[in-house]
């Protein structure tokens, strides 16, 4: 079971970025956390090679890498992609938080 899910829009944007930027085939999408932010962590998303401590998942043909130490912080998170008049980008939505 993958700890983080992706919206349809996020997957479309990731696939478009892979094609547009010629991301190497041995890279995958890294999802993780780093210290800081309101809740003590902030979320990261980028393209990277697999590391020794990574768990690997596949979502619609896209490899996803998550460091083992980050899994507990990512459970229930959804990566979404927002495109509006003034901003666009990936967002992390916690399904466990009340809206």
C-alpha atoms as a PDB file:
ATOM      1  CA  UNK A   1       0.000   0.000   0.000  1.00  0.00           C
ATOM      2  CA  UNK A   2       1.377   3.386  -0.990  1.00  0.00           C
ATOM      3  CA  UNK A   3       1.247   5.899   1.885  1.00  0.00           C
ATOM      4  CA  UNK A   4       0.460   8.847  -0.397  1.00  0.00           C
ATOM      5  CA  UNK A   5      -2.034   9.091  -3.255  1.00  0.00           C
ATOM      6  CA  UNK A   6      -2.125  11.321  -6.315  1.00  0.00           C
ATOM      7  CA  UNK A   7      -5.061  13.145  -7.858  1.00  0.00           C
ATOM      8  CA  UNK A   8      -5.760  12.757 -11.562  1.00  0.00           C
ATOM      9  CA  UNK A   9      -4.532  16.327 -12.116  1.00  0.00           C
ATOM     10  CA  UNK A  10      -1.270  15.686 -10.249  1.00  0.00           C
ATOM     11  CA  UNK A  11      -0.565  12.548 -12.285  1.00  0.00           C
ATOM     12  CA  UNK A  12      -1.242  14.409 -15.535  1.00  0.00           C
ATOM     13  CA  UNK A  13       1.149  17.205 -14.542  1.00  0.00           C
ATOM     14  CA  UNK A  14       3.868  14.745 -13.467  1.00  0.00           C
ATOM     15  CA  UNK A  15       3.604  12.872 -16.777  1.00  0.00           C
ATOM     16  CA  UNK A  16       3.676  16.158 -18.717  1.00  0.00           C
ATOM     17  CA  UNK A  17       6.767  17.315 -16.796  1.00  0.00           C
ATOM     18  CA  UNK A  18       8.564  14.009 -17.414  1.00  0.00           C
ATOM     19  CA  UNK A  19       7.950  14.393 -21.150  1.00  0.00           C
ATOM     20  CA  UNK A  20       8.705  18.132 -21.360  1.00  0.00           C
ATOM     21  CA  UNK A  21      11.882  18.051 -19.245  1.00  0.00           C
ATOM     22  CA  UNK A  22      13.186  14.712 -20.578  1.00  0.00           C
ATOM     23  CA  UNK A  23      13.477  13.262 -17.070  1.00  0.00           C
ATOM     24  CA  UNK A  24      15.789  10.194 -17.278  1.00  0.00           C
ATOM     25  CA  UNK A  25      14.055   6.809 -17.151  1.00  0.00           C
ATOM     26  CA  UNK A  26      15.979   5.772 -14.011  1.00  0.00           C
ATOM     27  CA  UNK A  27      14.423   8.670 -12.053  1.00  0.00           C
ATOM     28  CA  UNK A  28      11.143   8.598 -10.184  1.00  0.00           C
ATOM     29  CA  UNK A  29       9.004  11.002  -8.210  1.00  0.00           C
ATOM     30  CA  UNK A  30      10.330  11.533  -4.697  1.00  0.00           C
ATOM     31  CA  UNK A  31       7.745  12.364  -2.047  1.00  0.00           C
ATOM     32  CA  UNK A  32       8.956  13.151   1.439  1.00  0.00           C
ATOM     33  CA  UNK A  33       9.151  15.485   4.378  1.00  0.00           C
ATOM     34  CA  UNK A  34      11.707  17.838   5.843  1.00  0.00           C
ATOM     35  CA  UNK A  35      11.791  19.655   9.153  1.00  0.00           C
ATOM     36  CA  UNK A  36       9.964  22.967   9.451  1.00  0.00           C
ATOM     37  CA  UNK A  37       6.508  24.271   8.637  1.00  0.00           C
ATOM     38  CA  UNK A  38       3.495  24.782  10.890  1.00  0.00           C
ATOM     39  CA  UNK A  39       3.134  21.123  11.853  1.00  0.00           C
ATOM     40  CA  UNK A  40       6.858  20.603  12.323  1.00  0.00           C
ATOM     41  CA  UNK A  41       7.366  19.231   8.806  1.00  0.00           C
ATOM     42  CA  UNK A  42       6.991  20.468   5.269  1.00  0.00           C
ATOM     43  CA  UNK A  43       6.431  18.251   2.268  1.00  0.00           C
ATOM     44  CA  UNK A  44       8.703  17.775  -0.728  1.00  0.00           C
ATOM     45  CA  UNK A  45       8.072  16.557  -4.246  1.00  0.00           C
ATOM     46  CA  UNK A  46      10.646  16.219  -7.003  1.00  0.00           C
ATOM     47  CA  UNK A  47      12.426  13.905  -9.397  1.00  0.00           C
ATOM     48  CA  UNK A  48      15.271  11.798  -8.055  1.00  0.00           C
ATOM     49  CA  UNK A  49      17.101   8.487  -8.305  1.00  0.00           C
ATOM     50  CA  UNK A  50      16.312   5.674  -5.889  1.00  0.00           C
ATOM     51  CA  UNK A  51      18.274   5.700  -2.631  1.00  0.00           C
ATOM     52  CA  UNK A  52      19.182   2.736  -0.436  1.00  0.00           C
ATOM     53  CA  UNK A  53      16.540   3.527   2.233  1.00  0.00           C
ATOM     54  CA  UNK A  54      13.691   4.147  -0.208  1.00  0.00           C
ATOM     55  CA  UNK A  55      10.480   2.245  -0.568  1.00  0.00           C
ATOM     56  CA  UNK A  56       9.388   2.099  -4.204  1.00  0.00           C
ATOM     57  CA  UNK A  57       5.795   2.233  -5.387  1.00  0.00           C
ATOM     58  CA  UNK A  58       4.285   2.448  -8.837  1.00  0.00           C
ATOM     59  CA  UNK A  59       1.295   4.644  -9.609  1.00  0.00           C
ATOM     60  CA  UNK A  60      -0.052   4.522 -13.169  1.00  0.00           C
ATOM     61  CA  UNK A  61       3.374   3.764 -14.605  1.00  0.00           C
ATOM     62  CA  UNK A  62       5.199   6.352 -12.489  1.00  0.00           C
ATOM     63  CA  UNK A  63       7.810   5.199  -9.971  1.00  0.00           C
ATOM     64  CA  UNK A  64       7.386   6.842  -6.579  1.00  0.00           C
ATOM     65  CA  UNK A  65      10.201   6.878  -4.015  1.00  0.00           C
ATOM     66  CA  UNK A  66       9.567   7.439  -0.307  1.00  0.00           C
ATOM     67  CA  UNK A  67      12.247   7.217   2.369  1.00  0.00           C
ATOM     68  CA  UNK A  68      11.275   4.695   5.044  1.00  0.00           C
ATOM     69  CA  UNK A  69      11.585   7.350   7.765  1.00  0.00           C
ATOM     70  CA  UNK A  70       9.003   9.560   5.986  1.00  0.00           C
ATOM     71  CA  UNK A  71       6.222   7.000   5.592  1.00  0.00           C
ATOM     72  CA  UNK A  72       4.453   7.762   8.871  1.00  0.00           C
ATOM     73  CA  UNK A  73       4.247  11.473   7.967  1.00  0.00           C
ATOM     74  CA  UNK A  74       2.760  10.729   4.544  1.00  0.00           C
ATOM     75  CA  UNK A  75       0.018   8.236   5.399  1.00  0.00           C
ATOM     76  CA  UNK A  76      -3.297   9.673   4.251  1.00  0.00           C
ATOM     77  CA  UNK A  77      -1.764  12.461   2.168  1.00  0.00           C
ATOM     78  CA  UNK A  78      -2.868  13.209  -1.378  1.00  0.00           C
ATOM     79  CA  UNK A  79      -0.721  15.103  -3.849  1.00  0.00           C
ATOM     80  CA  UNK A  80      -2.928  17.380  -5.913  1.00  0.00           C
ATOM     81  CA  UNK A  81      -2.197  19.911  -8.632  1.00  0.00           C
ATOM     82  CA  UNK A  82      -3.833  23.322  -8.602  1.00  0.00           C
ATOM     83  CA  UNK A  83      -3.980  25.690 -11.538  1.00  0.00           C
ATOM     84  CA  UNK A  84      -5.688  29.020 -11.004  1.00  0.00           C
ATOM     85  CA  UNK A  85      -5.525  32.568 -12.303  1.00  0.00           C
ATOM     86  CA  UNK A  86      -2.799  33.661  -9.891  1.00  0.00           C
ATOM     87  CA  UNK A  87      -1.012  30.441  -8.956  1.00  0.00           C
ATOM     88  CA  UNK A  88      -0.304  26.893  -9.997  1.00  0.00           C
ATOM     89  CA  UNK A  89       1.519  24.044  -8.356  1.00  0.00           C
ATOM     90  CA  UNK A  90       1.411  20.862  -6.363  1.00  0.00           C
ATOM     91  CA  UNK A  91      -0.296  20.797  -2.995  1.00  0.00           C
ATOM     92  CA  UNK A  92      -0.449  18.207  -0.232  1.00  0.00           C
ATOM     93  CA  UNK A  93      -3.892  17.500   1.192  1.00  0.00           C
ATOM     94  CA  UNK A  94      -4.249  15.553   4.442  1.00  0.00           C
ATOM     95  CA  UNK A  95      -7.355  13.356   4.227  1.00  0.00           C
ATOM     96  CA  UNK A  96      -7.335  12.971   8.016  1.00  0.00           C
ATOM     97  CA  UNK A  97      -7.750  16.694   8.713  1.00  0.00           C
ATOM     98  CA  UNK A  98     -11.253  18.074   9.006  1.00  0.00           C
ATOM     99  CA  UNK A  99     -12.082  20.531   6.247  1.00  0.00           C
END
